[in-house]
Amino acid sequence: MKKISSFRAVVRAGLVVCAAVLLPATAAHSQSAAVAAYPSKPVRWIIPTSPGAGTDISARTFAQIASEAWKQAVVPDNRSGASGMLGLDALAAAAPDGYTLSFMSVSQFIDATILGKYTFEATKDFTPISLLASTPLILLVHSDNNITTVPQLIARAKAEPNKLNYGSGGAGGLTHLAMEVFLKKASIDVAHIPYKGSGPAVIDLLANRVQLAYSTPPAVMQHIKTGRLRALAVSSETRLALLPDAPTMTELGYPAATITTWYGLFGPANMAPELVEKISRTLVTAASGTATKDKITASGVDAVLNSPAEFVRSLAKEREQINAVVKLIGFKKDN
């Protein structure tokens, strides 16, 4: 009996060792199978802004592209509030399985970089997947105002300091920072009216409650086409194809006011590299087709479609640019 018991103990010990060896292999196989099958169910697409904002419009364009590419439902989920941090909190709490993603704009990145109200590191607390698109800002006035050019705007503002006002998506947001750069370089004083998001700012611009604002093409092109808003200039290095008559800030003599926004796709932290690569690759491939790219361009944005590694490098460069803008205009956290 002693020999049998000893034999059984050896067998049990051997089985334990085998199981320990096989577990990592089994887990790796299971993960590979999950990546190969992805997506096998609907994907939640968090949009950390309110409906109708430029980010929301572009997010829905890319959600449709992803849905068609993956042959699976991609469900937009607007989670606005706290400068978009409610949406990012939802992303951070999600499982890193690729079934919850977020379409984020530079605005959320700015909040984490300079405001100090919210603290997160984009490359550590989330998983950068791809920088999908970029777009310039458009300097706008209500069409009822007797201002048709930037020189006219400057002359009016100098004649009536702080009588004009502009709306922004919030203090410290991109539309606020970009406008302050322009005002500083043009040496004019215009009152700032911050809103809780760029959507409400555009609504009040349409109602002529504020006289000017910066906004993205997706959010305002329809209003420019109908004549309710007038585009005075764009913040890109080259003219926007949709607005060939609108000069760039560089053409007008304000190169420092060349500031664009970007839209990127993120996942929760700790996503498997193979899964991140698949999501990025399939989405970039789907968005690179001529017809799809034309659709993206028609919405007022330019497709970028870079890799996860390239996106990480872009974020590092962006942080330097944001800090340079903040220094230029003397922005303080409590502005």
Protein backbone atom coordinates (compact mmCIF):
# COMPACT_ATOMS: atom_id res chain seq x y z
CA MET A 1 0.00 0.00 0.00
CA LYS A 2 2.89 2.27 0.76
CA LYS A 3 4.29 1.86 -2.75
CA ILE A 4 0.87 2.50 -4.34
CA SER A 5 0.37 5.67 -2.29
CA SER A 6 3.81 6.88 -3.24
CA PHE A 7 3.08 6.19 -6.90
CA ARG A 8 -0.21 8.09 -6.72
CA ALA A 9 1.55 11.05 -5.12
CA VAL A 10 4.08 11.13 -7.93
CA VAL A 11 1.30 10.99 -10.53
CA ARG A 12 -0.60 13.81 -8.84
CA ALA A 13 2.55 15.94 -8.66
CA GLY A 14 3.18 15.30 -12.33
CA LEU A 15 -0.35 16.32 -13.26
CA VAL A 16 0.01 19.55 -11.29
CA VAL A 17 3.23 20.35 -13.13
CA CYS A 18 1.63 19.57 -16.49
CA ALA A 19 -1.36 21.77 -15.68
CA ALA A 20 0.95 24.63 -14.70
CA VAL A 21 2.76 24.29 -17.99
CA LEU A 22 -0.41 24.01 -20.05
CA LEU A 23 -2.35 26.89 -18.45
CA PRO A 24 -0.39 29.73 -20.11
CA ALA A 25 -0.59 27.93 -23.45
CA THR A 26 -4.34 27.43 -23.02
CA ALA A 27 -4.82 31.09 -22.06
CA ALA A 28 -2.77 32.22 -25.05
CA HIS A 29 -4.79 29.99 -27.37
CA SER A 30 -8.04 31.32 -25.90
CA GLN A 31 -6.87 34.91 -26.38
CA SER A 32 -5.79 34.22 -29.96
CA ALA A 33 -9.17 32.66 -30.68
CA ALA A 34 -10.96 35.70 -29.23
CA VAL A 35 -8.86 38.05 -31.38
CA ALA A 36 -9.49 35.94 -34.48
CA ALA A 37 -13.25 36.01 -33.84
CA TYR A 38 -13.38 39.72 -33.01
CA PRO A 39 -15.90 41.25 -33.15
CA SER A 40 -18.45 38.52 -32.44
CA LYS A 41 -20.98 40.88 -30.84
CA PRO A 42 -21.94 44.59 -30.99
CA VAL A 43 -19.24 47.13 -30.12
CA ARG A 44 -20.01 50.07 -27.84
CA TRP A 45 -18.63 53.32 -29.33
CA ILE A 46 -18.42 55.96 -26.59
CA ILE A 47 -18.61 59.59 -27.74
CA PRO A 48 -17.63 61.91 -24.86
CA THR A 49 -19.60 64.90 -26.23
CA SER A 50 -23.20 65.88 -26.73
CA PRO A 51 -25.08 65.00 -29.96
CA GLY A 52 -24.53 67.45 -32.80
CA ALA A 53 -21.01 68.51 -31.85
CA GLY A 54 -18.19 68.13 -34.38
CA THR A 55 -16.78 65.15 -32.49
CA ASP A 56 -20.18 63.46 -32.46
CA ILE A 57 -20.69 63.88 -36.20
CA SER A 58 -17.24 62.50 -37.06
CA ALA A 59 -17.60 59.72 -34.49
CA ARG A 60 -20.79 58.51 -36.14
CA THR A 61 -19.15 58.59 -39.57
CA PHE A 62 -16.35 56.31 -38.38
CA ALA A 63 -18.75 54.13 -36.38
CA GLN A 64 -20.57 53.37 -39.62
CA ILE A 65 -17.28 52.60 -41.37
CA ALA A 66 -16.31 50.23 -38.54
CA SER A 67 -19.71 48.54 -38.59
CA GLU A 68 -19.49 47.88 -42.31
CA ALA A 69 -15.90 46.62 -42.04
CA TRP A 70 -16.56 44.32 -39.09
CA LYS A 71 -20.01 43.15 -40.22
CA GLN A 72 -21.18 43.89 -36.70
CA ALA A 73 -23.23 46.61 -35.01
CA VAL A 74 -21.19 49.53 -33.68
CA VAL A 75 -23.41 51.44 -31.26
CA PRO A 76 -22.72 55.17 -30.64
CA ASP A 77 -23.11 56.07 -26.95
CA ASN A 78 -22.99 59.79 -26.14
CA ARG A 79 -21.58 60.33 -22.65
CA SER A 80 -21.14 64.09 -22.34
CA GLY A 81 -20.48 65.97 -19.14
CA ALA A 82 -17.48 67.11 -17.07
CA SER A 83 -15.62 68.11 -20.26
CA GLY A 84 -16.02 64.59 -21.64
CA MET A 85 -14.62 62.88 -18.56
CA LEU A 86 -17.87 61.00 -17.89
CA GLY A 87 -17.39 59.19 -21.17
CA LEU A 88 -13.75 58.48 -20.44
CA ASP A 89 -14.64 57.16 -16.99
CA ALA A 90 -16.98 54.70 -18.68
CA LEU A 91 -14.18 53.65 -21.03
CA ALA A 92 -11.69 53.23 -18.18
CA ALA A 93 -14.13 50.97 -16.32
CA ALA A 94 -14.75 48.70 -19.33
CA ALA A 95 -13.16 45.31 -19.91
CA PRO A 96 -10.13 45.49 -22.26
CA ASP A 97 -11.75 43.09 -24.73
CA GLY A 98 -12.32 45.57 -27.55
CA TYR A 99 -16.09 45.69 -27.14
CA THR A 100 -15.99 49.18 -25.61
CA LEU A 101 -14.05 51.83 -27.52
CA SER A 102 -14.09 55.62 -27.45
CA PHE A 103 -13.83 58.19 -30.24
CA MET A 104 -11.92 61.00 -28.50
CA SER A 105 -10.95 64.45 -29.72
CA VAL A 106 -8.05 66.70 -28.82
CA SER A 107 -10.36 68.54 -26.40
CA GLN A 108 -10.30 65.72 -23.86
CA PHE A 109 -6.53 65.51 -24.22
CA ILE A 110 -6.25 69.25 -23.54
CA ASP A 111 -8.34 68.93 -20.38
CA ALA A 112 -5.96 66.34 -18.98
CA THR A 113 -2.87 68.26 -20.07
CA ILE A 114 -3.51 71.75 -18.74
CA LEU A 115 -6.65 72.10 -16.66
CA GLY A 116 -5.66 69.90 -13.74
CA LYS A 117 -9.30 69.13 -12.96
CA TYR A 118 -8.98 65.66 -14.42
CA THR A 119 -5.86 63.56 -14.32
CA PHE A 120 -5.18 60.80 -16.79
CA GLU A 121 -2.33 59.77 -19.02
CA ALA A 122 -3.68 58.92 -22.47
CA THR A 123 -1.04 56.30 -23.19
CA LYS A 124 -1.24 54.63 -19.76
CA ASP A 125 -4.84 54.90 -18.60
CA PHE A 126 -6.14 54.08 -22.09
CA THR A 127 -4.94 52.22 -25.17
CA PRO A 128 -4.32 54.43 -28.23
CA ILE A 129 -5.52 52.57 -31.34
CA SER A 130 -5.38 55.03 -34.24
CA LEU A 131 -5.35 58.73 -34.99
CA LEU A 132 -8.22 58.59 -37.49
CA ALA A 133 -8.68 62.14 -38.72
CA SER A 134 -7.84 65.81 -38.31
CA THR A 135 -9.66 68.97 -39.21
CA PRO A 136 -9.07 72.73 -39.06
CA LEU A 137 -11.18 75.18 -37.13
CA ILE A 138 -13.27 77.74 -38.99
CA LEU A 139 -13.50 81.33 -37.75
CA LEU A 140 -17.19 82.19 -38.02
CA VAL A 141 -19.51 85.16 -37.67
CA HIS A 142 -23.27 85.34 -37.87
CA SER A 143 -24.33 86.42 -41.35
CA ASP A 144 -26.38 89.34 -39.97
CA ASN A 145 -23.20 91.03 -38.77
CA ASN A 146 -21.67 93.46 -41.21
CA ILE A 147 -18.34 91.61 -41.13
CA THR A 148 -17.17 89.75 -44.20
CA THR A 149 -13.38 89.57 -43.74
CA VAL A 150 -10.86 89.18 -40.93
CA PRO A 151 -9.49 92.74 -41.45
CA GLN A 152 -13.05 94.06 -41.01
CA LEU A 153 -13.41 92.01 -37.82
CA ILE A 154 -10.15 93.41 -36.45
CA ALA A 155 -11.10 96.99 -37.33
CA ARG A 156 -14.49 96.58 -35.62
CA ALA A 157 -12.95 95.04 -32.50
CA LYS A 158 -10.37 97.84 -32.25
CA ALA A 159 -13.04 100.48 -32.63
CA GLU A 160 -15.23 98.82 -29.99
CA PRO A 161 -13.04 96.91 -27.50
CA ASN A 162 -14.89 94.08 -25.73
CA LYS A 163 -18.19 95.02 -27.40
CA LEU A 164 -18.03 91.91 -29.55
CA ASN A 165 -18.12 88.52 -27.88
CA TYR A 166 -17.26 85.00 -28.91
CA GLY A 167 -18.53 81.62 -27.82
CA SER A 168 -16.35 78.61 -27.10
CA GLY A 169 -16.86 75.01 -26.05
CA GLY A 170 -15.50 75.88 -22.61
CA ALA A 171 -12.55 77.54 -20.90
CA GLY A 172 -9.38 75.67 -21.79
CA GLY A 173 -10.94 73.88 -24.74
CA LEU A 174 -9.42 74.02 -28.21
CA THR A 175 -11.88 76.62 -29.56
CA HIS A 176 -11.08 78.86 -26.59
CA LEU A 177 -7.30 78.48 -26.87
CA ALA A 178 -7.30 78.93 -30.65
CA MET A 179 -9.39 82.10 -30.45
CA GLU A 180 -7.17 83.57 -27.74
CA VAL A 181 -4.09 82.96 -29.89
CA PHE A 182 -5.73 84.83 -32.76
CA LEU A 183 -6.92 87.72 -30.54
CA LYS A 184 -3.46 88.09 -29.01
CA LYS A 185 -1.70 88.12 -32.38
CA ALA A 186 -4.29 90.54 -33.82
CA SER A 187 -4.04 92.77 -30.71
CA ILE A 188 -7.80 92.97 -30.20
CA ASP A 189 -10.11 92.48 -27.20
CA VAL A 190 -13.22 90.35 -27.62
CA ALA A 191 -15.25 89.07 -24.64
CA HIS A 192 -15.24 85.31 -24.03
CA ILE A 193 -18.50 83.45 -23.39
CA PRO A 194 -17.72 79.82 -22.43
CA TYR A 195 -20.33 77.10 -22.98
CA LYS A 196 -20.61 73.52 -21.83
CA GLY A 197 -19.61 72.11 -25.18
CA SER A 198 -19.18 73.39 -28.72
CA GLY A 199 -22.73 72.38 -29.68
CA PRO A 200 -24.40 74.99 -27.42
CA ALA A 201 -21.86 77.61 -28.53
CA VAL A 202 -22.84 77.09 -32.18
CA ILE A 203 -26.54 77.26 -31.27
CA ASP A 204 -26.05 80.70 -29.70
CA LEU A 205 -23.95 81.81 -32.66
CA LEU A 206 -26.83 80.83 -34.94
CA ALA A 207 -29.15 82.87 -32.72
CA ASN A 208 -26.69 85.82 -32.92
CA ARG A 209 -26.33 85.86 -29.13
CA VAL A 210 -22.57 85.73 -29.70
CA GLN A 211 -20.97 87.40 -32.70
CA LEU A 212 -18.17 84.99 -33.54
CA ALA A 213 -16.77 81.57 -32.73
CA TYR A 214 -14.42 78.86 -33.86
CA SER A 215 -15.90 75.52 -34.82
CA THR A 216 -15.11 72.43 -36.86
CA PRO A 217 -16.42 71.87 -40.41
CA PRO A 218 -18.67 68.89 -39.56
CA ALA A 219 -20.60 70.97 -37.04
CA VAL A 220 -21.16 74.08 -39.17
CA MET A 221 -20.85 73.39 -42.91
CA GLN A 222 -24.61 73.03 -43.31
CA HIS A 223 -25.13 76.47 -41.74
CA ILE A 224 -22.45 78.04 -43.95
CA LYS A 225 -24.10 76.55 -47.04
CA THR A 226 -27.51 77.95 -46.06
CA GLY A 227 -25.98 81.37 -45.42
CA ARG A 228 -26.78 81.56 -41.70
CA LEU A 229 -23.08 81.64 -40.78
CA ARG A 230 -20.15 83.21 -42.62
CA ALA A 231 -16.67 81.66 -42.71
CA LEU A 232 -13.92 84.28 -42.39
CA ALA A 233 -10.85 82.02 -42.23
CA VAL A 234 -9.59 78.52 -41.51
CA SER A 235 -6.86 77.51 -39.07
CA SER A 236 -5.16 74.96 -41.35
CA GLU A 237 -1.92 75.41 -43.28
CA THR A 238 -3.76 75.10 -46.60
CA ARG A 239 -7.24 76.17 -47.66
CA LEU A 240 -10.10 73.81 -46.97
CA ALA A 241 -11.49 72.15 -50.12
CA LEU A 242 -15.02 72.71 -48.86
CA LEU A 243 -14.33 76.45 -48.39
CA PRO A 244 -11.92 77.45 -51.17
CA ASP A 245 -12.66 81.16 -50.72
CA ALA A 246 -11.83 81.22 -47.00
CA PRO A 247 -8.17 82.24 -46.46
CA THR A 248 -5.89 80.52 -43.98
CA MET A 249 -4.62 82.27 -40.87
CA THR A 250 -1.12 82.05 -42.31
CA GLU A 251 -2.23 83.88 -45.47
CA LEU A 252 -3.69 86.59 -43.25
CA GLY A 253 -0.41 86.98 -41.38
CA TYR A 254 -1.18 84.94 -38.25
CA PRO A 255 0.74 81.66 -38.60
CA ALA A 256 0.67 81.11 -34.84
CA ALA A 257 -3.11 80.71 -35.13
CA THR A 258 -2.70 77.60 -37.30
CA ILE A 259 -4.28 75.14 -34.87
CA THR A 260 -6.13 72.00 -35.89
CA THR A 261 -8.09 69.37 -34.02
CA TRP A 262 -7.83 65.60 -34.28
CA TYR A 263 -10.03 62.58 -33.64
CA GLY A 264 -8.62 59.32 -32.36
CA LEU A 265 -9.84 55.91 -31.28
CA PHE A 266 -8.97 54.60 -27.82
CA GLY A 267 -9.70 51.47 -25.83
CA PRO A 268 -9.41 50.69 -22.10
CA ALA A 269 -5.96 50.14 -20.65
CA ASN A 270 -4.23 46.76 -20.96
CA MET A 271 -5.74 45.63 -24.26
CA ALA A 272 -3.90 42.74 -25.90
CA PRO A 273 -1.45 44.10 -28.52
CA GLU A 274 -2.78 41.60 -31.10
CA LEU A 275 -6.32 42.90 -30.59
CA VAL A 276 -5.23 46.54 -30.80
CA GLU A 277 -3.38 45.81 -34.01
CA LYS A 278 -6.38 44.05 -35.54
CA ILE A 279 -8.81 46.84 -34.68
CA SER A 280 -6.44 49.47 -36.05
CA ARG A 281 -5.55 47.53 -39.19
CA THR A 282 -9.10 46.61 -40.19
CA LEU A 283 -10.47 50.09 -39.52
CA VAL A 284 -7.63 51.85 -41.32
CA THR A 285 -7.99 49.52 -44.31
CA ALA A 286 -11.75 50.11 -44.44
CA ALA A 287 -11.35 53.89 -44.26
CA SER A 288 -8.58 53.98 -46.88
CA GLY A 289 -10.79 53.09 -49.84
CA THR A 290 -11.35 55.89 -52.33
CA ALA A 291 -15.13 56.06 -51.88
CA THR A 292 -14.88 55.98 -48.09
CA LYS A 293 -12.11 58.57 -48.00
CA ASP A 294 -14.21 60.84 -50.21
CA LYS A 295 -17.07 60.43 -47.75
CA ILE A 296 -14.79 61.39 -44.85
CA THR A 297 -13.49 64.43 -46.75
CA ALA A 298 -17.03 65.48 -47.63
CA SER A 299 -17.84 65.62 -43.93
CA GLY A 300 -15.12 68.24 -43.48
CA VAL A 301 -12.26 66.21 -42.03
CA ASP A 302 -9.05 64.74 -43.43
CA ALA A 303 -8.31 61.07 -42.91
CA VAL A 304 -5.03 60.37 -41.07
CA LEU A 305 -5.39 56.65 -40.23
CA ASN A 306 -2.11 55.94 -38.50
CA SER A 307 -0.91 52.93 -36.52
CA PRO A 308 -1.03 52.51 -32.71
CA ALA A 309 2.71 53.26 -32.43
CA GLU A 310 2.40 56.35 -34.63
CA PHE A 311 -0.56 57.53 -32.57
CA VAL A 312 1.47 57.29 -29.35
CA ARG A 313 4.18 59.46 -30.93
CA SER A 314 1.55 61.95 -32.12
CA LEU A 315 0.20 62.29 -28.58
CA ALA A 316 3.65 63.10 -27.22
CA LYS A 317 4.11 65.81 -29.86
CA GLU A 318 0.62 67.17 -29.19
CA ARG A 319 1.40 67.67 -25.50
CA GLU A 320 4.35 69.89 -26.42
CA GLN A 321 2.23 71.96 -28.83
CA ILE A 322 -0.56 72.46 -26.29
CA ASN A 323 1.85 73.61 -23.62
CA ALA A 324 3.39 76.07 -26.12
CA VAL A 325 -0.05 77.56 -26.86
CA VAL A 326 -0.86 77.82 -23.16
CA LYS A 327 2.41 79.67 -22.56
CA LEU A 328 1.80 82.01 -25.51
CA ILE A 329 -1.58 83.21 -24.29
CA GLY A 330 -0.78 83.04 -20.57
CA PHE A 331 -3.66 80.67 -19.84
CA LYS A 332 -4.18 79.78 -16.18
CA LYS A 333 -6.06 76.76 -14.85
CA ASP A 334 -8.68 78.93 -13.16
CA ASN A 335 -9.44 81.05 -16.28
